[in-house]
Amino acid sequence: MRALRALRALRVLRVLRVLRILAVGAAALAVTGAAPGLPTHPDIPGPEADLAYHGSASMTGDRVDVRFTPRNHGPSAVPDVTVRLRWSKPLADAQTLPTGCARSGERVVVCRTGALAADAVGERIELRVRLRDASSEVLLELDTVWGGGAVDGNRANDQQRVLVLDTGDTYYF
């Protein structure tokens, strides 16, 4: 009986040793950035992609229309990007959003751009949201939530702020 227990204990120790080796190896790959899909250490840069968003917004009553186009100035391609759109006023509970966009908070919608090749323009994204209450103005902020693992050294052009007045006029960013 003791021999059987000792054999089981040795097997458990071997399994734990293998798991420890795999964990150390995965951590080493993550720190060096050598494994795609694993998080990289913040002091070691990964692929670089300069993301930007340009478009327009208009507001009539409680309705805000937003159109923007993502662009990757390179030098690396990105497999997908998630853009956050934040409003200074709460959104109405019921929203009809385009494919690839989802509500993520009382004042927030996120949209995926899809893959962006280096030095390329992505598909235009258009959405209409309704505010909970009509307002004379709303501040819209756009920024990158996730850049496909790429490092963006120029955060100035992937963070936009536009004040949209309830005039029906189009405001560009």
N, C-alpha and C. Protein backbone atom coordinates (compact mmCIF):
# COMPACT_ATOMS: atom_id res chain seq x y z
N MET A 1 0.80 -1.17 0.00
CA MET A 1 0.00 0.00 0.00
C MET A 1 0.86 1.27 0.00
N ARG A 2 1.91 1.24 0.83
CA ARG A 2 2.81 2.40 0.91
C ARG A 2 3.52 2.62 -0.42
N ALA A 3 3.87 1.56 -1.06
CA ALA A 3 4.56 1.68 -2.35
C ALA A 3 3.64 2.33 -3.38
N LEU A 4 2.35 1.98 -3.36
CA LEU A 4 1.38 2.55 -4.28
C LEU A 4 1.19 4.04 -4.01
N ARG A 5 1.12 4.42 -2.74
CA ARG A 5 1.00 5.84 -2.37
C ARG A 5 2.24 6.61 -2.79
N ALA A 6 3.39 6.03 -2.60
CA ALA A 6 4.64 6.68 -2.97
C ALA A 6 4.70 6.88 -4.49
N LEU A 7 4.23 5.90 -5.25
CA LEU A 7 4.21 6.00 -6.70
C LEU A 7 3.26 7.11 -7.15
N ARG A 8 2.10 7.20 -6.54
CA ARG A 8 1.14 8.27 -6.87
C ARG A 8 1.73 9.64 -6.54
N ALA A 9 2.39 9.75 -5.41
CA ALA A 9 2.99 11.00 -5.00
C ALA A 9 4.06 11.43 -6.02
N LEU A 10 4.85 10.47 -6.51
CA LEU A 10 5.86 10.79 -7.52
C LEU A 10 5.21 11.28 -8.81
N ARG A 11 4.12 10.66 -9.22
CA ARG A 11 3.41 11.09 -10.44
C ARG A 11 2.88 12.52 -10.28
N VAL A 12 2.31 12.81 -9.11
CA VAL A 12 1.81 14.16 -8.86
C VAL A 12 2.95 15.17 -8.92
N LEU A 13 4.09 14.83 -8.33
CA LEU A 13 5.24 15.73 -8.36
C LEU A 13 5.73 15.96 -9.79
N ARG A 14 5.73 14.91 -10.62
CA ARG A 14 6.15 15.06 -12.02
C ARG A 14 5.20 15.98 -12.77
N VAL A 15 3.90 15.80 -12.56
CA VAL A 15 2.92 16.65 -13.22
C VAL A 15 3.10 18.10 -12.79
N LEU A 16 3.29 18.32 -11.49
CA LEU A 16 3.50 19.68 -11.00
C LEU A 16 4.78 20.29 -11.58
N ARG A 17 5.82 19.48 -11.72
CA ARG A 17 7.07 19.98 -12.30
C ARG A 17 6.86 20.40 -13.74
N VAL A 18 6.14 19.58 -14.52
CA VAL A 18 5.87 19.92 -15.92
C VAL A 18 5.05 21.20 -16.00
N LEU A 19 4.03 21.33 -15.15
CA LEU A 19 3.21 22.53 -15.15
C LEU A 19 4.03 23.76 -14.78
N ARG A 20 4.94 23.60 -13.82
CA ARG A 20 5.79 24.72 -13.43
C ARG A 20 6.70 25.13 -14.60
N ILE A 21 7.26 24.17 -15.30
CA ILE A 21 8.12 24.47 -16.45
C ILE A 21 7.32 25.19 -17.53
N LEU A 22 6.11 24.71 -17.81
CA LEU A 22 5.27 25.36 -18.81
C LEU A 22 4.91 26.78 -18.41
N ALA A 23 4.61 27.00 -17.13
CA ALA A 23 4.26 28.34 -16.65
C ALA A 23 5.45 29.29 -16.77
N VAL A 24 6.64 28.82 -16.39
CA VAL A 24 7.83 29.66 -16.50
C VAL A 24 8.12 29.97 -17.97
N GLY A 25 7.96 28.99 -18.84
CA GLY A 25 8.18 29.21 -20.27
C GLY A 25 7.20 30.21 -20.85
N ALA A 26 5.93 30.10 -20.48
CA ALA A 26 4.92 31.04 -20.97
C ALA A 26 5.20 32.45 -20.47
N ALA A 27 5.63 32.56 -19.22
CA ALA A 27 5.96 33.88 -18.67
C ALA A 27 7.15 34.48 -19.40
N ALA A 28 8.15 33.67 -19.71
CA ALA A 28 9.32 34.16 -20.44
C ALA A 28 8.92 34.65 -21.83
N LEU A 29 8.04 33.91 -22.51
CA LEU A 29 7.58 34.34 -23.82
C LEU A 29 6.78 35.64 -23.74
N ALA A 30 5.96 35.78 -22.71
CA ALA A 30 5.17 36.99 -22.55
C ALA A 30 6.06 38.19 -22.30
N VAL A 31 7.08 38.03 -21.46
CA VAL A 31 7.97 39.14 -21.15
C VAL A 31 8.79 39.56 -22.36
N THR A 32 9.23 38.62 -23.15
CA THR A 32 10.04 38.96 -24.32
C THR A 32 9.20 39.33 -25.52
N GLY A 33 7.90 39.09 -25.46
CA GLY A 33 7.04 39.42 -26.59
C GLY A 33 7.16 38.43 -27.73
N ALA A 34 7.72 37.27 -27.49
CA ALA A 34 7.97 36.31 -28.55
C ALA A 34 6.76 35.48 -28.91
N ALA A 35 5.72 35.53 -28.12
CA ALA A 35 4.54 34.71 -28.40
C ALA A 35 3.36 35.61 -28.76
N PRO A 36 2.86 35.52 -29.99
CA PRO A 36 1.73 36.35 -30.35
C PRO A 36 0.51 35.97 -29.53
N GLY A 37 -0.25 37.01 -29.15
CA GLY A 37 -1.46 36.76 -28.39
C GLY A 37 -1.25 36.79 -26.89
N LEU A 38 -0.03 36.67 -26.43
CA LEU A 38 0.24 36.76 -25.01
C LEU A 38 0.55 38.21 -24.67
N PRO A 39 0.20 38.68 -23.49
CA PRO A 39 0.51 40.06 -23.13
C PRO A 39 2.01 40.26 -23.03
N THR A 40 2.47 41.43 -23.42
CA THR A 40 3.90 41.72 -23.37
C THR A 40 4.20 42.60 -22.17
N HIS A 41 5.42 42.60 -21.78
CA HIS A 41 5.88 43.44 -20.68
C HIS A 41 5.86 44.89 -21.15
N PRO A 42 5.39 45.85 -20.31
CA PRO A 42 5.26 47.23 -20.76
C PRO A 42 6.57 47.90 -21.13
N ASP A 43 7.71 47.41 -20.61
CA ASP A 43 8.99 48.02 -20.94
C ASP A 43 9.56 47.49 -22.25
N ILE A 44 8.98 46.45 -22.80
CA ILE A 44 9.47 45.87 -24.04
C ILE A 44 8.41 46.11 -25.11
N PRO A 45 8.67 47.01 -26.07
CA PRO A 45 7.65 47.35 -27.06
C PRO A 45 7.31 46.18 -27.97
N GLY A 46 6.04 46.12 -28.34
CA GLY A 46 5.58 45.13 -29.31
C GLY A 46 5.53 45.78 -30.67
N PRO A 47 4.73 45.22 -31.57
CA PRO A 47 4.58 45.85 -32.88
C PRO A 47 3.97 47.24 -32.72
N GLU A 48 4.31 48.16 -33.60
CA GLU A 48 3.83 49.52 -33.50
C GLU A 48 2.82 49.82 -34.60
N ALA A 49 1.72 50.45 -34.23
CA ALA A 49 0.71 50.88 -35.19
C ALA A 49 0.16 52.22 -34.72
N ASP A 50 0.16 53.20 -35.59
CA ASP A 50 -0.34 54.54 -35.28
C ASP A 50 -1.79 54.63 -35.75
N LEU A 51 -2.72 54.49 -34.81
CA LEU A 51 -4.15 54.47 -35.13
C LEU A 51 -4.72 55.88 -35.04
N ALA A 52 -5.70 56.18 -35.91
CA ALA A 52 -6.35 57.49 -35.91
C ALA A 52 -7.81 57.32 -36.31
N TYR A 53 -8.63 58.25 -35.84
CA TYR A 53 -10.05 58.24 -36.17
C TYR A 53 -10.46 59.64 -36.59
N HIS A 54 -11.12 59.73 -37.74
CA HIS A 54 -11.61 61.02 -38.23
C HIS A 54 -13.03 60.83 -38.73
N GLY A 55 -13.86 61.82 -38.47
CA GLY A 55 -15.24 61.71 -38.89
C GLY A 55 -16.03 62.93 -38.52
N SER A 56 -17.33 62.71 -38.24
CA SER A 56 -18.21 63.82 -37.94
C SER A 56 -19.34 63.36 -37.02
N ALA A 57 -19.98 64.35 -36.40
CA ALA A 57 -21.13 64.08 -35.53
C ALA A 57 -22.11 65.23 -35.67
N SER A 58 -23.38 64.91 -35.55
CA SER A 58 -24.44 65.93 -35.56
C SER A 58 -25.51 65.52 -34.56
N MET A 59 -26.27 66.52 -34.11
CA MET A 59 -27.28 66.25 -33.08
C MET A 59 -28.55 67.02 -33.38
N THR A 60 -29.66 66.33 -33.29
CA THR A 60 -30.98 66.94 -33.41
C THR A 60 -31.86 66.36 -32.31
N GLY A 61 -32.28 67.20 -31.36
CA GLY A 61 -33.08 66.72 -30.24
C GLY A 61 -32.28 65.74 -29.40
N ASP A 62 -32.82 64.53 -29.24
CA ASP A 62 -32.11 63.52 -28.44
C ASP A 62 -31.32 62.55 -29.31
N ARG A 63 -31.25 62.79 -30.61
CA ARG A 63 -30.58 61.89 -31.55
C ARG A 63 -29.20 62.43 -31.93
N VAL A 64 -28.18 61.57 -31.81
CA VAL A 64 -26.81 61.93 -32.21
C VAL A 64 -26.36 60.95 -33.28
N ASP A 65 -25.96 61.48 -34.43
CA ASP A 65 -25.44 60.66 -35.53
C ASP A 65 -23.93 60.82 -35.58
N VAL A 66 -23.21 59.69 -35.61
CA VAL A 66 -21.76 59.69 -35.63
C VAL A 66 -21.28 58.85 -36.81
N ARG A 67 -20.33 59.39 -37.56
CA ARG A 67 -19.69 58.67 -38.66
C ARG A 67 -18.18 58.87 -38.51
N PHE A 68 -17.43 57.78 -38.54
CA PHE A 68 -15.98 57.93 -38.47
C PHE A 68 -15.30 56.79 -39.21
N THR A 69 -14.08 57.07 -39.61
CA THR A 69 -13.27 56.10 -40.34
C THR A 69 -11.96 55.88 -39.59
N PRO A 70 -11.66 54.62 -39.26
CA PRO A 70 -10.37 54.34 -38.61
C PRO A 70 -9.25 54.28 -39.65
N ARG A 71 -8.06 54.66 -39.24
CA ARG A 71 -6.90 54.59 -40.13
C ARG A 71 -5.71 54.10 -39.32
N ASN A 72 -4.91 53.25 -39.96
CA ASN A 72 -3.68 52.76 -39.36
C ASN A 72 -2.52 53.34 -40.16
N HIS A 73 -1.78 54.26 -39.56
CA HIS A 73 -0.62 54.87 -40.23
C HIS A 73 0.61 53.97 -40.19
N GLY A 74 0.49 52.79 -39.57
CA GLY A 74 1.58 51.81 -39.56
C GLY A 74 2.58 52.08 -38.46
N PRO A 75 3.69 51.41 -38.51
CA PRO A 75 4.20 50.57 -39.58
C PRO A 75 3.68 49.13 -39.59
N SER A 76 3.00 48.69 -38.50
CA SER A 76 2.53 47.30 -38.45
C SER A 76 1.02 47.22 -38.65
N ALA A 77 0.58 46.11 -39.20
CA ALA A 77 -0.86 45.84 -39.31
C ALA A 77 -1.39 45.43 -37.95
N VAL A 78 -2.70 45.58 -37.74
CA VAL A 78 -3.33 45.13 -36.50
C VAL A 78 -4.49 44.21 -36.85
N PRO A 79 -4.68 43.12 -36.08
CA PRO A 79 -5.73 42.15 -36.40
C PRO A 79 -7.13 42.67 -36.12
N ASP A 80 -7.28 43.60 -35.20
CA ASP A 80 -8.58 44.16 -34.86
C ASP A 80 -8.35 45.31 -33.89
N VAL A 81 -9.29 46.24 -33.86
CA VAL A 81 -9.20 47.39 -32.96
C VAL A 81 -10.58 47.60 -32.35
N THR A 82 -10.60 48.01 -31.09
CA THR A 82 -11.86 48.37 -30.44
C THR A 82 -11.81 49.85 -30.08
N VAL A 83 -12.83 50.58 -30.55
CA VAL A 83 -12.94 52.01 -30.31
C VAL A 83 -14.04 52.25 -29.29
N ARG A 84 -13.77 53.13 -28.33
CA ARG A 84 -14.78 53.48 -27.33
C ARG A 84 -15.34 54.86 -27.67
N LEU A 85 -16.67 54.98 -27.67
CA LEU A 85 -17.34 56.25 -27.85
C LEU A 85 -18.06 56.56 -26.55
N ARG A 86 -17.70 57.70 -25.94
CA ARG A 86 -18.26 58.09 -24.64
C ARG A 86 -18.99 59.41 -24.79
N TRP A 87 -20.20 59.48 -24.26
CA TRP A 87 -20.98 60.70 -24.29
C TRP A 87 -21.05 61.30 -22.90
N SER A 88 -21.15 62.63 -22.82
CA SER A 88 -21.24 63.30 -21.52
C SER A 88 -22.63 63.18 -20.91
N LYS A 89 -23.61 62.76 -21.71
CA LYS A 89 -24.98 62.59 -21.22
C LYS A 89 -25.35 61.11 -21.31
N PRO A 90 -26.21 60.63 -20.42
CA PRO A 90 -26.63 59.22 -20.47
C PRO A 90 -27.39 58.91 -21.76
N LEU A 91 -27.20 57.71 -22.27
CA LEU A 91 -27.91 57.25 -23.45
C LEU A 91 -29.25 56.65 -23.05
N ALA A 92 -30.20 56.69 -23.96
CA ALA A 92 -31.49 56.04 -23.72
C ALA A 92 -31.24 54.55 -23.54
N ASP A 93 -32.12 53.88 -22.80
CA ASP A 93 -31.94 52.45 -22.55
C ASP A 93 -31.97 51.63 -23.83
N ALA A 94 -32.93 51.90 -24.70
CA ALA A 94 -33.06 51.14 -25.95
C ALA A 94 -32.24 51.81 -27.06
N GLN A 95 -31.34 51.05 -27.66
CA GLN A 95 -30.50 51.54 -28.76
C GLN A 95 -30.49 50.49 -29.86
N THR A 96 -30.45 50.95 -31.10
CA THR A 96 -30.25 50.06 -32.24
C THR A 96 -28.86 50.37 -32.79
N LEU A 97 -27.92 49.47 -32.56
CA LEU A 97 -26.53 49.72 -32.94
C LEU A 97 -26.15 48.84 -34.12
N PRO A 98 -25.20 49.30 -34.94
CA PRO A 98 -24.76 48.49 -36.08
C PRO A 98 -23.98 47.26 -35.63
N THR A 99 -23.85 46.30 -36.52
CA THR A 99 -23.05 45.11 -36.25
C THR A 99 -21.63 45.53 -35.90
N GLY A 100 -21.08 44.93 -34.87
CA GLY A 100 -19.73 45.26 -34.43
C GLY A 100 -19.69 46.29 -33.32
N CYS A 101 -20.85 46.86 -32.96
CA CYS A 101 -20.92 47.83 -31.88
C CYS A 101 -21.78 47.28 -30.76
N ALA A 102 -21.46 47.64 -29.53
CA ALA A 102 -22.21 47.16 -28.37
C ALA A 102 -22.19 48.21 -27.28
N ARG A 103 -23.23 48.24 -26.53
CA ARG A 103 -23.34 49.13 -25.38
C ARG A 103 -22.47 48.55 -24.27
N SER A 104 -21.67 49.40 -23.61
CA SER A 104 -20.85 48.88 -22.51
C SER A 104 -20.98 49.72 -21.25
N GLY A 105 -21.96 50.60 -21.21
CA GLY A 105 -22.19 51.41 -20.02
C GLY A 105 -23.30 52.39 -20.28
N GLU A 106 -23.65 53.15 -19.26
CA GLU A 106 -24.74 54.11 -19.36
C GLU A 106 -24.47 55.16 -20.44
N ARG A 107 -23.20 55.50 -20.64
CA ARG A 107 -22.82 56.55 -21.59
C ARG A 107 -21.81 56.06 -22.63
N VAL A 108 -21.63 54.75 -22.74
CA VAL A 108 -20.53 54.22 -23.56
C VAL A 108 -21.00 53.17 -24.56
N VAL A 109 -20.45 53.27 -25.77
CA VAL A 109 -20.62 52.26 -26.81
C VAL A 109 -19.22 51.92 -27.31
N VAL A 110 -18.94 50.64 -27.56
CA VAL A 110 -17.68 50.23 -28.15
C VAL A 110 -17.96 49.62 -29.52
N CYS A 111 -17.04 49.85 -30.46
CA CYS A 111 -17.17 49.31 -31.81
C CYS A 111 -15.86 48.70 -32.24
N ARG A 112 -15.93 47.57 -32.93
CA ARG A 112 -14.71 46.97 -33.48
C ARG A 112 -14.55 47.43 -34.92
N THR A 113 -13.32 47.64 -35.32
CA THR A 113 -13.04 48.12 -36.67
C THR A 113 -12.75 46.99 -37.64
N GLY A 114 -12.37 45.82 -37.12
CA GLY A 114 -11.86 44.76 -37.98
C GLY A 114 -10.36 44.97 -38.17
N ALA A 115 -9.77 44.13 -38.99
CA ALA A 115 -8.33 44.21 -39.24
C ALA A 115 -7.99 45.50 -39.99
N LEU A 116 -6.85 46.07 -39.64
CA LEU A 116 -6.36 47.26 -40.33
C LEU A 116 -4.93 47.00 -40.80
N ALA A 117 -4.75 47.01 -42.11
CA ALA A 117 -3.41 46.84 -42.67
C ALA A 117 -2.59 48.09 -42.37
N ALA A 118 -1.28 47.97 -42.44
CA ALA A 118 -0.40 49.12 -42.24
C ALA A 118 -0.65 50.14 -43.35
N ASP A 119 -0.69 51.40 -42.98
CA ASP A 119 -0.90 52.51 -43.91
C ASP A 119 -2.18 52.31 -44.73
N ALA A 120 -3.27 51.98 -44.03
CA ALA A 120 -4.53 51.71 -44.71
C ALA A 120 -5.70 52.33 -43.94
N VAL A 121 -6.78 52.54 -44.67
CA VAL A 121 -8.01 53.08 -44.11
C VAL A 121 -8.98 51.93 -43.91
N GLY A 122 -9.66 51.91 -42.78
CA GLY A 122 -10.63 50.86 -42.49
C GLY A 122 -12.02 51.22 -43.01
N GLU A 123 -12.97 50.35 -42.71
CA GLU A 123 -14.35 50.57 -43.11
C GLU A 123 -14.97 51.69 -42.27
N ARG A 124 -15.75 52.52 -42.92
CA ARG A 124 -16.45 53.60 -42.22
C ARG A 124 -17.49 53.01 -41.25
N ILE A 125 -17.57 53.58 -40.06
CA ILE A 125 -18.52 53.14 -39.04
C ILE A 125 -19.54 54.26 -38.85
N GLU A 126 -20.81 53.90 -38.94
CA GLU A 126 -21.89 54.88 -38.76
C GLU A 126 -22.85 54.36 -37.71
N LEU A 127 -23.19 55.22 -36.76
CA LEU A 127 -24.16 54.83 -35.76
C LEU A 127 -24.99 56.03 -35.33
N ARG A 128 -26.18 55.73 -34.90
CA ARG A 128 -27.10 56.73 -34.35
C ARG A 128 -27.46 56.27 -32.95
N VAL A 129 -27.29 57.17 -31.99
CA VAL A 129 -27.69 56.88 -30.62
C VAL A 129 -28.72 57.90 -30.20
N ARG A 130 -29.49 57.51 -29.22
CA ARG A 130 -30.47 58.44 -28.63
C ARG A 130 -30.04 58.70 -27.19
N LEU A 131 -30.08 59.97 -26.82
CA LEU A 131 -29.80 60.36 -25.44
C LEU A 131 -31.04 60.09 -24.60
N ARG A 132 -30.84 59.86 -23.33
CA ARG A 132 -31.97 59.62 -22.43
C ARG A 132 -32.91 60.82 -22.43
N ASP A 133 -32.32 62.02 -22.39
CA ASP A 133 -33.09 63.26 -22.42
C ASP A 133 -32.49 64.19 -23.46
N ALA A 134 -33.35 65.00 -24.08
CA ALA A 134 -32.85 65.99 -25.04
C ALA A 134 -31.94 66.96 -24.30
N SER A 135 -30.93 67.44 -24.99
CA SER A 135 -29.95 68.34 -24.40
C SER A 135 -29.53 69.37 -25.45
N SER A 136 -29.02 70.49 -25.01
CA SER A 136 -28.56 71.51 -25.96
C SER A 136 -27.18 71.17 -26.51
N GLU A 137 -26.45 70.27 -25.83
CA GLU A 137 -25.13 69.89 -26.28
C GLU A 137 -24.72 68.56 -25.65
N VAL A 138 -23.76 67.90 -26.28
CA VAL A 138 -23.18 66.68 -25.72
C VAL A 138 -21.72 66.63 -26.13
N LEU A 139 -20.88 66.20 -25.22
CA LEU A 139 -19.46 66.02 -25.53
C LEU A 139 -19.26 64.55 -25.90
N LEU A 140 -18.69 64.31 -27.07
CA LEU A 140 -18.38 62.96 -27.54
C LEU A 140 -16.87 62.77 -27.50
N GLU A 141 -16.44 61.68 -26.87
CA GLU A 141 -15.01 61.34 -26.82
C GLU A 141 -14.81 59.97 -27.45
N LEU A 142 -13.84 59.86 -28.36
CA LEU A 142 -13.47 58.59 -28.99
C LEU A 142 -12.05 58.27 -28.59
N ASP A 143 -11.78 56.99 -28.30
CA ASP A 143 -10.41 56.57 -28.04
C ASP A 143 -10.29 55.07 -28.26
N THR A 144 -9.06 54.61 -28.39
CA THR A 144 -8.78 53.19 -28.58
C THR A 144 -8.80 52.49 -27.24
N VAL A 145 -9.61 51.41 -27.16
CA VAL A 145 -9.63 50.57 -25.97
C VAL A 145 -8.63 49.44 -26.13
N TRP A 146 -8.60 48.86 -27.32
CA TRP A 146 -7.70 47.74 -27.60
C TRP A 146 -7.18 47.88 -29.03
N GLY A 147 -5.88 47.80 -29.21
CA GLY A 147 -5.26 47.98 -30.52
C GLY A 147 -4.64 46.71 -31.06
N GLY A 148 -5.23 45.56 -30.79
CA GLY A 148 -4.73 44.31 -31.35
C GLY A 148 -3.34 43.93 -30.86
N GLY A 149 -2.94 44.43 -29.71
CA GLY A 149 -1.62 44.11 -29.17
C GLY A 149 -0.52 45.04 -29.64
N ALA A 150 -0.85 45.99 -30.51
CA ALA A 150 0.15 46.92 -31.02
C ALA A 150 0.34 48.10 -30.06
N VAL A 151 1.51 48.68 -30.08
CA VAL A 151 1.84 49.85 -29.29
C VAL A 151 1.62 51.07 -30.18
N ASP A 152 0.90 52.07 -29.67
CA ASP A 152 0.66 53.31 -30.42
C ASP A 152 1.45 54.42 -29.74
N GLY A 153 2.55 54.81 -30.36
CA GLY A 153 3.42 55.85 -29.80
C GLY A 153 2.84 57.25 -29.93
N ASN A 154 1.82 57.43 -30.79
CA ASN A 154 1.21 58.73 -31.01
C ASN A 154 -0.25 58.66 -30.59
N ARG A 155 -0.52 58.83 -29.31
CA ARG A 155 -1.90 58.72 -28.80
C ARG A 155 -2.73 59.94 -29.12
N ALA A 156 -2.13 61.01 -29.63
CA ALA A 156 -2.87 62.25 -29.90
C ALA A 156 -3.96 62.06 -30.96
N ASN A 157 -3.71 61.24 -31.98
CA ASN A 157 -4.69 61.13 -33.06
C ASN A 157 -5.66 59.97 -32.90
N ASP A 158 -5.54 59.18 -31.86
CA ASP A 158 -6.55 58.14 -31.63
C ASP A 158 -7.42 58.48 -30.43
N GLN A 159 -7.33 59.72 -29.99
CA GLN A 159 -8.19 60.24 -28.93
C GLN A 159 -8.80 61.53 -29.46
N GLN A 160 -10.10 61.51 -29.67
CA GLN A 160 -10.79 62.67 -30.22
C GLN A 160 -11.86 63.14 -29.24
N ARG A 161 -12.08 64.45 -29.21
CA ARG A 161 -13.16 65.05 -28.41
C ARG A 161 -13.86 66.06 -29.30
N VAL A 162 -15.18 65.98 -29.32
CA VAL A 162 -15.93 66.94 -30.12
C VAL A 162 -17.19 67.34 -29.35
N LEU A 163 -17.41 68.64 -29.27
CA LEU A 163 -18.62 69.16 -28.65
C LEU A 163 -19.66 69.28 -29.75
N VAL A 164 -20.78 68.59 -29.57
CA VAL A 164 -21.84 68.55 -30.58
C VAL A 164 -23.03 69.32 -30.02
N LEU A 165 -23.43 70.37 -30.74
CA LEU A 165 -24.55 71.19 -30.32
C LEU A 165 -25.83 70.72 -31.00
N ASP A 166 -26.96 70.93 -30.34
CA ASP A 166 -28.26 70.55 -30.88
C ASP A 166 -28.72 71.60 -31.90
N THR A 167 -28.01 71.61 -33.02
CA THR A 167 -28.33 72.57 -34.10
C THR A 167 -28.61 71.85 -35.41
N GLY A 168 -28.30 70.56 -35.46
CA GLY A 168 -28.39 69.83 -36.73
C GLY A 168 -27.15 70.02 -37.58
N ASP A 169 -26.24 70.91 -37.14
CA ASP A 169 -24.98 71.14 -37.87
C ASP A 169 -24.05 69.94 -37.68
N THR A 170 -23.16 69.76 -38.65
CA THR A 170 -22.17 68.68 -38.59
C THR A 170 -20.87 69.22 -38.01
N TYR A 171 -20.35 68.51 -37.03
CA TYR A 171 -19.08 68.88 -36.39
C TYR A 171 -18.05 67.81 -36.73
N TYR A 172 -16.89 68.25 -37.24
CA TYR A 172 -15.87 67.33 -37.73
C TYR A 172 -14.76 67.15 -36.71
N PHE A 173 -14.19 65.95 -36.70
CA PHE A 173 -13.05 65.67 -35.83
C PHE A 173 -12.04 64.85 -36.60
